Amino acid sequence: MDMTFKGAARRLDDLDLPRLGASIGVGEDEIHAFLDVETSGHGFDAHGRPVILFEPHVFYRNLAGAARAKAVAAGLAYAKWGEKPYPRDSYPRLKAACAIDETAALRSASWGLGQVLGENFRAAGFLTVQAMVEAMMADEALQLAAAVNFIAANRLDGKLRKHDWAGFAKGYNGASYGKNAYDIRLAEAFRKWSGIRDTPPPPTPVPIPQPPQPKGFTPAKAEPGKAGVRRGPFSGPLSGLRAAVLAPLVAAILSLFRKAPSLFRKVKP
């Protein structure tokens, strides 16, 4: 794993939102609302790295024995969430944790636009957490696809379609979603975006090739409430093979739709 965590860092295009939303039967406004609440619509930080939050309590449960003792002694792991405040930049912690156990460390951070926890790499459509992180480094569209896969794998797409904000918030962010008013903020963001004109569709949509699913691969159902930061394409979820092996190809295909630099926000009429 590249410890700079810097990849192509391609930004999301306006056309990616309706395309990925359509794969779970929701519109652009629902996707915009979700992104506003999760990461304010930014998948990369000022250094071109995926936006992350390293969770020491998750690192603790992914370790055992001498490795856990070493992480606890270094202040990188503890048993319960909320024991210590989080620093503004999680990367120093993540890199130090990787020196102890790379896989456990990557599983213990929330990644990208949808803040999908590394533990949920299979529900997000990947064979390994390393493959998921590589995709997060490459493209915001792949970050959003991972979140969409997680939503579909945990049957939260229906709640999003029905605008059951509390039900969606509980499934995506956990039972304590009310402490952060997650459902209320979703509803408010959706109302805002409902009053803004949607992105016009491209004149001639180009179909995205669909490689066959690898035999025997089934996306895993993640633990509820473990997708996002605070306890968290196309025609269906990405297969692990596509995500692990063909992520750069998918990103290149997505770029064919892009006719201008991403503006991300819809334009008011």
C-alpha atoms as a PDB file:
ATOM      1  CA  MET A   1       0.000   0.000   0.000  1.00  0.00           C
ATOM      2  CA  ASP A   2       1.229   3.480  -0.942  1.00  0.00           C
ATOM      3  CA  MET A   3       1.596   5.248   2.399  1.00  0.00           C
ATOM      4  CA  THR A   4       1.153   8.670   0.773  1.00  0.00           C
ATOM      5  CA  PHE A   5      -2.457   7.632   0.070  1.00  0.00           C
ATOM      6  CA  LYS A   6      -2.382   9.762  -3.069  1.00  0.00           C
ATOM      7  CA  GLY A   7      -3.877   8.465  -6.286  1.00  0.00           C
ATOM      8  CA  ALA A   8      -5.456  10.075  -9.343  1.00  0.00           C
ATOM      9  CA  ALA A   9      -7.934  11.918  -7.079  1.00  0.00           C
ATOM     10  CA  ARG A  10     -10.485  12.451  -9.836  1.00  0.00           C
ATOM     11  CA  ARG A  11     -13.408  14.607  -8.788  1.00  0.00           C
ATOM     12  CA  LEU A  12     -17.045  13.629  -9.055  1.00  0.00           C
ATOM     13  CA  ASP A  13     -18.916  14.888 -12.104  1.00  0.00           C
ATOM     14  CA  ASP A  14     -22.509  16.125 -11.983  1.00  0.00           C
ATOM     15  CA  LEU A  15     -23.567  13.259 -14.272  1.00  0.00           C
ATOM     16  CA  ASP A  16     -22.180  10.655 -11.858  1.00  0.00           C
ATOM     17  CA  LEU A  17     -24.799  11.497  -9.220  1.00  0.00           C
ATOM     18  CA  PRO A  18     -27.970  10.691 -11.202  1.00  0.00           C
ATOM     19  CA  ARG A  19     -26.270   7.673 -12.806  1.00  0.00           C
ATOM     20  CA  LEU A  20     -25.248   6.097  -9.506  1.00  0.00           C
ATOM     21  CA  GLY A  21     -28.486   7.137  -7.792  1.00  0.00           C
ATOM     22  CA  ALA A  22     -30.506   5.435 -10.524  1.00  0.00           C
ATOM     23  CA  SER A  23     -28.770   2.137  -9.731  1.00  0.00           C
ATOM     24  CA  ILE A  24     -30.695   2.054  -6.435  1.00  0.00           C
ATOM     25  CA  GLY A  25     -33.801   3.845  -7.679  1.00  0.00           C
ATOM     26  CA  VAL A  26     -33.210   7.286  -6.182  1.00  0.00           C
ATOM     27  CA  GLY A  27     -32.699  10.664  -7.773  1.00  0.00           C
ATOM     28  CA  GLU A  28     -30.002  13.270  -7.734  1.00  0.00           C
ATOM     29  CA  ASP A  29     -31.533  15.121  -4.786  1.00  0.00           C
ATOM     30  CA  GLU A  30     -31.351  12.121  -2.452  1.00  0.00           C
ATOM     31  CA  ILE A  31     -27.700  11.532  -3.365  1.00  0.00           C
ATOM     32  CA  HIS A  32     -26.847  15.206  -2.897  1.00  0.00           C
ATOM     33  CA  ALA A  33     -28.519  15.195   0.544  1.00  0.00           C
ATOM     34  CA  PHE A  34     -26.606  12.076   1.581  1.00  0.00           C
ATOM     35  CA  LEU A  35     -23.275  13.561   0.486  1.00  0.00           C
ATOM     36  CA  ASP A  36     -23.970  16.886   2.183  1.00  0.00           C
ATOM     37  CA  VAL A  37     -24.496  15.189   5.538  1.00  0.00           C
ATOM     38  CA  GLU A  38     -21.641  12.678   5.267  1.00  0.00           C
ATOM     39  CA  THR A  39     -18.757  14.791   3.975  1.00  0.00           C
ATOM     40  CA  SER A  40     -20.135  18.127   2.726  1.00  0.00           C
ATOM     41  CA  GLY A  41     -19.612  16.828  -0.805  1.00  0.00           C
ATOM     42  CA  HIS A  42     -15.815  16.470  -0.708  1.00  0.00           C
ATOM     43  CA  GLY A  43     -14.080  13.106  -1.111  1.00  0.00           C
ATOM     44  CA  PHE A  44     -10.480  14.351  -1.014  1.00  0.00           C
ATOM     45  CA  ASP A  45      -8.615  16.576   1.411  1.00  0.00           C
ATOM     46  CA  ALA A  46      -6.361  19.530   0.551  1.00  0.00           C
ATOM     47  CA  HIS A  47      -3.466  17.103  -0.070  1.00  0.00           C
ATOM     48  CA  GLY A  48      -5.378  14.973  -2.584  1.00  0.00           C
ATOM     49  CA  ARG A  49      -5.903  12.100  -0.142  1.00  0.00           C
ATOM     50  CA  PRO A  50      -9.298  10.467   0.521  1.00  0.00           C
ATOM     51  CA  VAL A  51     -11.162  12.098   3.390  1.00  0.00           C
ATOM     52  CA  ILE A  52     -10.913   9.683   6.324  1.00  0.00           C
ATOM     53  CA  LEU A  53     -11.589   9.264  10.013  1.00  0.00           C
ATOM     54  CA  PHE A  54      -9.419   6.742  11.843  1.00  0.00           C
ATOM     55  CA  GLU A  55     -11.369   4.990  14.634  1.00  0.00           C
ATOM     56  CA  PRO A  56      -9.136   3.747  17.505  1.00  0.00           C
ATOM     57  CA  HIS A  57     -11.929   1.629  19.017  1.00  0.00           C
ATOM     58  CA  VAL A  58     -12.339  -0.174  15.680  1.00  0.00           C
ATOM     59  CA  PHE A  59      -8.577  -0.713  15.479  1.00  0.00           C
ATOM     60  CA  TYR A  60      -8.758  -2.216  18.985  1.00  0.00           C
ATOM     61  CA  ARG A  61     -11.328  -4.818  17.947  1.00  0.00           C
ATOM     62  CA  ASN A  62      -9.349  -5.696  14.812  1.00  0.00           C
ATOM     63  CA  LEU A  63      -6.245  -6.545  16.849  1.00  0.00           C
ATOM     64  CA  ALA A  64      -5.327  -9.140  19.452  1.00  0.00           C
ATOM     65  CA  GLY A  65      -2.413 -10.135  21.647  1.00  0.00           C
ATOM     66  CA  ALA A  66       0.900  -8.310  21.355  1.00  0.00           C
ATOM     67  CA  ALA A  67      -0.259  -6.152  18.415  1.00  0.00           C
ATOM     68  CA  ARG A  68      -3.199  -4.844  20.427  1.00  0.00           C
ATOM     69  CA  ALA A  69      -1.000  -4.164  23.438  1.00  0.00           C
ATOM     70  CA  LYS A  70       1.446  -2.255  21.252  1.00  0.00           C
ATOM     71  CA  ALA A  71      -1.356  -0.154  19.704  1.00  0.00           C
ATOM     72  CA  VAL A  72      -2.847   0.634  23.125  1.00  0.00           C
ATOM     73  CA  ALA A  73       0.545   1.665  24.478  1.00  0.00           C
ATOM     74  CA  ALA A  74       1.011   3.981  21.483  1.00  0.00           C
ATOM     75  CA  GLY A  75      -2.410   5.579  22.019  1.00  0.00           C
ATOM     76  CA  LEU A  76      -3.691   4.223  18.713  1.00  0.00           C
ATOM     77  CA  ALA A  77      -6.311   1.852  20.105  1.00  0.00           C
ATOM     78  CA  TYR A  78      -8.762   1.739  22.970  1.00  0.00           C
ATOM     79  CA  ALA A  79     -11.772  -0.370  23.817  1.00  0.00           C
ATOM     80  CA  LYS A  80     -14.652   2.114  23.679  1.00  0.00           C
ATOM     81  CA  TRP A  81     -15.601   4.911  21.324  1.00  0.00           C
ATOM     82  CA  GLY A  82     -15.328   8.402  22.773  1.00  0.00           C
ATOM     83  CA  GLU A  83     -12.512   7.762  25.243  1.00  0.00           C
ATOM     84  CA  LYS A  84     -10.342  10.477  23.674  1.00  0.00           C
ATOM     85  CA  PRO A  85     -10.970  13.340  21.213  1.00  0.00           C
ATOM     86  CA  TYR A  86     -10.014  12.800  17.585  1.00  0.00           C
ATOM     87  CA  PRO A  87      -7.291  14.935  15.976  1.00  0.00           C
ATOM     88  CA  ARG A  88      -8.164  17.026  12.932  1.00  0.00           C
ATOM     89  CA  ASP A  89      -5.914  14.930  10.671  1.00  0.00           C
ATOM     90  CA  SER A  90      -6.321  11.168  10.962  1.00  0.00           C
ATOM     91  CA  TYR A  91      -3.475  10.274   8.612  1.00  0.00           C
ATOM     92  CA  PRO A  92      -0.624  10.353  11.156  1.00  0.00           C
ATOM     93  CA  ARG A  93      -2.597   7.897  13.285  1.00  0.00           C
ATOM     94  CA  LEU A  94      -3.450   5.741  10.289  1.00  0.00           C
ATOM     95  CA  LYS A  95       0.167   5.516   9.134  1.00  0.00           C
ATOM     96  CA  ALA A  96       1.378   4.636  12.630  1.00  0.00           C
ATOM     97  CA  ALA A  97      -1.352   2.007  12.866  1.00  0.00           C
ATOM     98  CA  CYS A  98      -0.333   0.547   9.488  1.00  0.00           C
ATOM     99  CA  ALA A  99       3.167   0.008  10.874  1.00  0.00           C
ATOM    100  CA  ILE A 100       1.599  -2.320  13.456  1.00  0.00           C
ATOM    101  CA  ASP A 101      -0.929  -4.089  11.187  1.00  0.00           C
ATOM    102  CA  GLU A 102      -1.780  -2.634   7.768  1.00  0.00           C
ATOM    103  CA  THR A 103      -4.972  -4.590   7.141  1.00  0.00           C
ATOM    104  CA  ALA A 104      -6.380  -3.896  10.608  1.00  0.00           C
ATOM    105  CA  ALA A 105      -5.514  -0.206  10.265  1.00  0.00           C
ATOM    106  CA  LEU A 106      -7.191   0.183   6.871  1.00  0.00           C
ATOM    107  CA  ARG A 107     -10.261  -1.639   8.188  1.00  0.00           C
ATOM    108  CA  SER A 108     -10.422   0.867  11.040  1.00  0.00           C
ATOM    109  CA  ALA A 109     -10.857   4.073   9.029  1.00  0.00           C
ATOM    110  CA  SER A 110     -13.925   5.503   7.305  1.00  0.00           C
ATOM    111  CA  TRP A 111     -13.211   6.419   3.689  1.00  0.00           C
ATOM    112  CA  GLY A 112     -14.291   8.882   1.022  1.00  0.00           C
ATOM    113  CA  LEU A 113     -17.516  10.629   0.133  1.00  0.00           C
ATOM    114  CA  GLY A 114     -19.727   8.044   1.826  1.00  0.00           C
ATOM    115  CA  GLN A 115     -17.362   7.478   4.766  1.00  0.00           C
ATOM    116  CA  VAL A 116     -17.608   3.711   4.366  1.00  0.00           C
ATOM    117  CA  LEU A 117     -15.768   1.959   7.180  1.00  0.00           C
ATOM    118  CA  GLY A 118     -12.924  -0.232   5.941  1.00  0.00           C
ATOM    119  CA  GLU A 119     -14.398  -3.196   7.822  1.00  0.00           C
ATOM    120  CA  ASN A 120     -17.237  -3.101   5.292  1.00  0.00           C
ATOM    121  CA  PHE A 121     -15.084  -3.569   2.189  1.00  0.00           C
ATOM    122  CA  ARG A 122     -17.039  -6.627   1.060  1.00  0.00           C
ATOM    123  CA  ALA A 123     -20.434  -4.929   1.398  1.00  0.00           C
ATOM    124  CA  ALA A 124     -18.918  -2.043  -0.572  1.00  0.00           C
ATOM    125  CA  GLY A 125     -18.068  -4.485  -3.388  1.00  0.00           C
ATOM    126  CA  PHE A 126     -14.379  -5.288  -2.897  1.00  0.00           C
ATOM    127  CA  LEU A 127     -12.383  -8.464  -2.325  1.00  0.00           C
ATOM    128  CA  THR A 128      -9.896  -6.793   0.038  1.00  0.00           C
ATOM    129  CA  VAL A 129      -9.749  -3.625   2.084  1.00  0.00           C
ATOM    130  CA  GLN A 130      -6.578  -2.697   0.170  1.00  0.00           C
ATOM    131  CA  ALA A 131      -8.548  -2.806  -3.108  1.00  0.00           C
ATOM    132  CA  MET A 132     -11.187  -0.560  -1.557  1.00  0.00           C
ATOM    133  CA  VAL A 133      -8.577   1.981  -0.447  1.00  0.00           C
ATOM    134  CA  GLU A 134      -6.967   1.993  -3.908  1.00  0.00           C
ATOM    135  CA  ALA A 135     -10.376   2.812  -5.412  1.00  0.00           C
ATOM    136  CA  MET A 136     -10.928   5.551  -2.838  1.00  0.00           C
ATOM    137  CA  MET A 137      -7.594   7.096  -3.844  1.00  0.00           C
ATOM    138  CA  ALA A 138      -8.497   7.004  -7.546  1.00  0.00           C
ATOM    139  CA  ASP A 139     -11.898   8.591  -8.052  1.00  0.00           C
ATOM    140  CA  GLU A 140     -14.816  10.152  -6.154  1.00  0.00           C
ATOM    141  CA  ALA A 141     -17.193   8.263  -8.456  1.00  0.00           C
ATOM    142  CA  LEU A 142     -15.749   5.005  -7.115  1.00  0.00           C
ATOM    143  CA  GLN A 143     -16.086   6.362  -3.580  1.00  0.00           C
ATOM    144  CA  LEU A 144     -19.758   7.034  -4.193  1.00  0.00           C
ATOM    145  CA  ALA A 145     -20.217   3.642  -5.888  1.00  0.00           C
ATOM    146  CA  ALA A 146     -18.857   1.964  -2.746  1.00  0.00           C
ATOM    147  CA  ALA A 147     -21.393   3.829  -0.602  1.00  0.00           C
ATOM    148  CA  VAL A 148     -24.207   2.896  -3.016  1.00  0.00           C
ATOM    149  CA  ASN A 149     -23.120  -0.745  -2.839  1.00  0.00           C
ATOM    150  CA  PHE A 150     -23.191  -0.613   0.957  1.00  0.00           C
ATOM    151  CA  ILE A 151     -26.661   0.947   0.904  1.00  0.00           C
ATOM    152  CA  ALA A 152     -27.953  -1.768  -1.437  1.00  0.00           C
ATOM    153  CA  ALA A 153     -26.259  -4.617   0.468  1.00  0.00           C
ATOM    154  CA  ASN A 154     -27.931  -3.501   3.691  1.00  0.00           C
ATOM    155  CA  ARG A 155     -31.337  -2.866   2.094  1.00  0.00           C
ATOM    156  CA  LEU A 156     -31.298   0.811   2.938  1.00  0.00           C
ATOM    157  CA  ASP A 157     -32.157   1.835  -0.612  1.00  0.00           C
ATOM    158  CA  GLY A 158     -35.874   1.410   0.071  1.00  0.00           C
ATOM    159  CA  LYS A 159     -35.689   3.745   3.046  1.00  0.00           C
ATOM    160  CA  LEU A 160     -33.913   6.318   0.902  1.00  0.00           C
ATOM    161  CA  ARG A 161     -36.552   6.007  -1.834  1.00  0.00           C
ATOM    162  CA  LYS A 162     -39.348   6.475   0.728  1.00  0.00           C
ATOM    163  CA  HIS A 163     -37.516   9.377   2.388  1.00  0.00           C
ATOM    164  CA  ASP A 164     -37.562   7.479   5.648  1.00  0.00           C
ATOM    165  CA  TRP A 165     -34.718   9.601   6.938  1.00  0.00           C
ATOM    166  CA  ALA A 166     -34.748   8.155  10.451  1.00  0.00           C
ATOM    167  CA  GLY A 167     -34.713   4.580   9.159  1.00  0.00           C
ATOM    168  CA  PHE A 168     -31.914   5.331   6.735  1.00  0.00           C
ATOM    169  CA  ALA A 169     -29.932   7.220   9.382  1.00  0.00           C
ATOM    170  CA  LYS A 170     -30.201   4.342  11.845  1.00  0.00           C
ATOM    171  CA  GLY A 171     -29.065   1.781   9.262  1.00  0.00           C
ATOM    172  CA  TYR A 172     -26.204   3.853   7.899  1.00  0.00           C
ATOM    173  CA  ASN A 173     -24.983   5.697  10.976  1.00  0.00           C
ATOM    174  CA  GLY A 174     -26.139   3.498  13.852  1.00  0.00           C
ATOM    175  CA  ALA A 175     -28.631   3.760  16.701  1.00  0.00           C
ATOM    176  CA  SER A 176     -27.043   6.932  18.053  1.00  0.00           C
ATOM    177  CA  TYR A 177     -27.796   8.883  14.852  1.00  0.00           C
ATOM    178  CA  GLY A 178     -30.089  11.213  16.809  1.00  0.00           C
ATOM    179  CA  LYS A 179     -27.167  12.708  18.749  1.00  0.00           C
ATOM    180  CA  ASN A 180     -25.953  14.288  15.525  1.00  0.00           C
ATOM    181  CA  ALA A 181     -29.461  15.007  14.168  1.00  0.00           C
ATOM    182  CA  TYR A 182     -28.463  12.907  11.144  1.00  0.00           C
ATOM    183  CA  ASP A 183     -32.063  12.342  10.010  1.00  0.00           C
ATOM    184  CA  ILE A 184     -33.039  15.986  10.444  1.00  0.00           C
ATOM    185  CA  ARG A 185     -30.022  17.172   8.480  1.00  0.00           C
ATOM    186  CA  LEU A 186     -30.828  14.677   5.704  1.00  0.00           C
ATOM    187  CA  ALA A 187     -34.381  15.989   5.441  1.00  0.00           C
ATOM    188  CA  GLU A 188     -33.208  19.590   5.379  1.00  0.00           C
ATOM    189  CA  ALA A 189     -30.574  18.894   2.726  1.00  0.00           C
ATOM    190  CA  PHE A 190     -33.128  17.057   0.583  1.00  0.00           C
ATOM    191  CA  ARG A 191     -35.535  20.000   0.776  1.00  0.00           C
ATOM    192  CA  LYS A 192     -32.739  22.324  -0.315  1.00  0.00           C
ATOM    193  CA  TRP A 193     -31.757  20.210  -3.321  1.00  0.00           C
ATOM    194  CA  SER A 194     -35.387  19.621  -4.313  1.00  0.00           C
ATOM    195  CA  GLY A 195     -35.614  23.333  -5.064  1.00  0.00           C
ATOM    196  CA  ILE A 196     -32.582  23.299  -7.389  1.00  0.00           C
ATOM    197  CA  ARG A 197     -32.718  22.261 -11.031  1.00  0.00           C
ATOM    198  CA  ASP A 198     -31.376  18.771 -11.758  1.00  0.00           C
ATOM    199  CA  THR A 199     -28.427  18.123 -14.039  1.00  0.00           C
ATOM    200  CA  PRO A 200     -29.566  17.726 -17.680  1.00  0.00           C
ATOM    201  CA  PRO A 201     -28.924  14.182 -18.967  1.00  0.00           C
ATOM    202  CA  PRO A 202     -26.299  13.639 -21.705  1.00  0.00           C
ATOM    203  CA  PRO A 203     -27.761  13.663 -25.248  1.00  0.00           C
ATOM    204  CA  THR A 204     -26.565  10.130 -26.014  1.00  0.00           C
ATOM    205  CA  PRO A 205     -25.844   7.945 -22.985  1.00  0.00           C
ATOM    206  CA  VAL A 206     -22.957   5.531 -23.481  1.00  0.00           C
ATOM    207  CA  PRO A 207     -23.533   2.102 -21.881  1.00  0.00           C
ATOM    208  CA  ILE A 208     -20.926   0.945 -19.388  1.00  0.00           C
ATOM    209  CA  PRO A 209     -19.575  -2.566 -20.079  1.00  0.00           C
ATOM    210  CA  GLN A 210     -20.613  -5.122 -17.470  1.00  0.00           C
ATOM    211  CA  PRO A 211     -17.982  -7.837 -16.895  1.00  0.00           C
ATOM    212  CA  PRO A 212     -19.362 -11.163 -15.613  1.00  0.00           C
ATOM    213  CA  GLN A 213     -19.579 -11.661 -11.853  1.00  0.00           C
ATOM    214  CA  PRO A 214     -16.763 -13.810 -10.413  1.00  0.00           C
ATOM    215  CA  LYS A 215     -18.050 -17.248  -9.534  1.00  0.00           C
ATOM    216  CA  GLY A 216     -18.864 -17.697  -5.868  1.00  0.00           C
ATOM    217  CA  PHE A 217     -18.499 -14.031  -4.839  1.00  0.00           C
ATOM    218  CA  THR A 218     -21.339 -12.682  -2.724  1.00  0.00           C
ATOM    219  CA  PRO A 219     -21.170  -9.152  -1.260  1.00  0.00           C
ATOM    220  CA  ALA A 220     -21.284  -9.448   2.511  1.00  0.00           C
ATOM    221  CA  LYS A 221     -23.907  -7.739   4.638  1.00  0.00           C
ATOM    222  CA  ALA A 222     -22.173  -5.297   6.927  1.00  0.00           C
ATOM    223  CA  GLU A 223     -22.885  -4.661  10.559  1.00  0.00           C
ATOM    224  CA  PRO A 224     -25.661  -2.007  10.756  1.00  0.00           C
ATOM    225  CA  GLY A 225     -24.449   1.454  11.603  1.00  0.00           C
ATOM    226  CA  LYS A 226     -20.856   0.813  10.586  1.00  0.00           C
ATOM    227  CA  ALA A 227     -20.786   2.582   7.244  1.00  0.00           C
ATOM    228  CA  GLY A 228     -20.005   6.110   8.214  1.00  0.00           C
ATOM    229  CA  VAL A 229     -17.794   8.370  10.220  1.00  0.00           C
ATOM    230  CA  ARG A 230     -19.851   8.451  13.371  1.00  0.00           C
ATOM    231  CA  ARG A 231     -20.959   4.782  13.762  1.00  0.00           C
ATOM    232  CA  GLY A 232     -20.923   4.083   8.431  1.00  0.00           C
ATOM    233  CA  PRO A 233     -22.365   0.980 -10.814  1.00  0.00           C
ATOM    234  CA  PHE A 234     -24.309   1.092 -12.442  1.00  0.00           C
ATOM    235  CA  SER A 235     -27.025  -1.602 -12.728  1.00  0.00           C
ATOM    236  CA  GLY A 236     -26.113  -3.271  -9.421  1.00  0.00           C
ATOM    237  CA  PRO A 237     -23.415  -3.476  -6.761  1.00  0.00           C
ATOM    238  CA  LEU A 238     -19.837  -3.649  -8.001  1.00  0.00           C
ATOM    239  CA  SER A 239     -18.403  -7.131  -7.830  1.00  0.00           C
ATOM    240  CA  GLY A 240     -15.219  -7.602  -5.869  1.00  0.00           C
ATOM    241  CA  LEU A 241     -13.318  -8.519  -9.037  1.00  0.00           C
ATOM    242  CA  ARG A 242     -14.418  -5.358 -10.818  1.00  0.00           C
ATOM    243  CA  ALA A 243     -13.479  -3.188  -7.875  1.00  0.00           C
ATOM    244  CA  ALA A 244     -10.173  -4.869  -7.169  1.00  0.00           C
ATOM    245  CA  VAL A 245      -8.954  -5.346 -10.722  1.00  0.00           C
ATOM    246  CA  LEU A 246     -10.914  -2.990 -12.974  1.00  0.00           C
ATOM    247  CA  ALA A 247     -11.205   0.158 -10.838  1.00  0.00           C
ATOM    248  CA  PRO A 248      -8.863   2.155 -13.116  1.00  0.00           C
ATOM    249  CA  LEU A 249     -10.864   0.993 -16.162  1.00  0.00           C
ATOM    250  CA  VAL A 250     -14.148   2.034 -14.560  1.00  0.00           C
ATOM    251  CA  ALA A 251     -12.686   5.419 -13.711  1.00  0.00           C
ATOM    252  CA  ALA A 252     -11.513   5.859 -17.301  1.00  0.00           C
ATOM    253  CA  ILE A 253     -14.939   4.927 -18.666  1.00  0.00           C
ATOM    254  CA  LEU A 254     -16.607   7.385 -16.319  1.00  0.00           C
ATOM    255  CA  SER A 255     -14.346  10.104 -17.638  1.00  0.00           C
ATOM    256  CA  LEU A 256     -15.839   9.625 -21.125  1.00  0.00           C
ATOM    257  CA  PHE A 257     -19.070  11.140 -19.830  1.00  0.00           C
ATOM    258  CA  ARG A 258     -17.323  14.241 -18.595  1.00  0.00           C
ATOM    259  CA  LYS A 259     -17.485  17.145 -20.994  1.00  0.00           C
ATOM    260  CA  ALA A 260     -16.266  19.829 -18.590  1.00  0.00           C
ATOM    261  CA  PRO A 261     -14.484  20.100 -15.234  1.00  0.00           C
ATOM    262  CA  SER A 262     -16.773  19.066 -12.404  1.00  0.00           C
ATOM    263  CA  LEU A 263     -18.950  21.771 -10.938  1.00  0.00           C
ATOM    264  CA  PHE A 264     -20.510  19.224  -8.513  1.00  0.00           C
ATOM    265  CA  ARG A 265     -23.279  21.530  -7.382  1.00  0.00           C
ATOM    266  CA  LYS A 266     -26.368  21.896  -9.504  1.00  0.00           C
ATOM    267  CA  VAL A 267     -27.006  25.322 -10.976  1.00  0.00           C
ATOM    268  CA  LYS A 268     -29.913  27.352  -9.687  1.00  0.00           C
ATOM    269  CA  PRO A 269     -32.408  28.287 -12.429  1.00  0.00           C
END
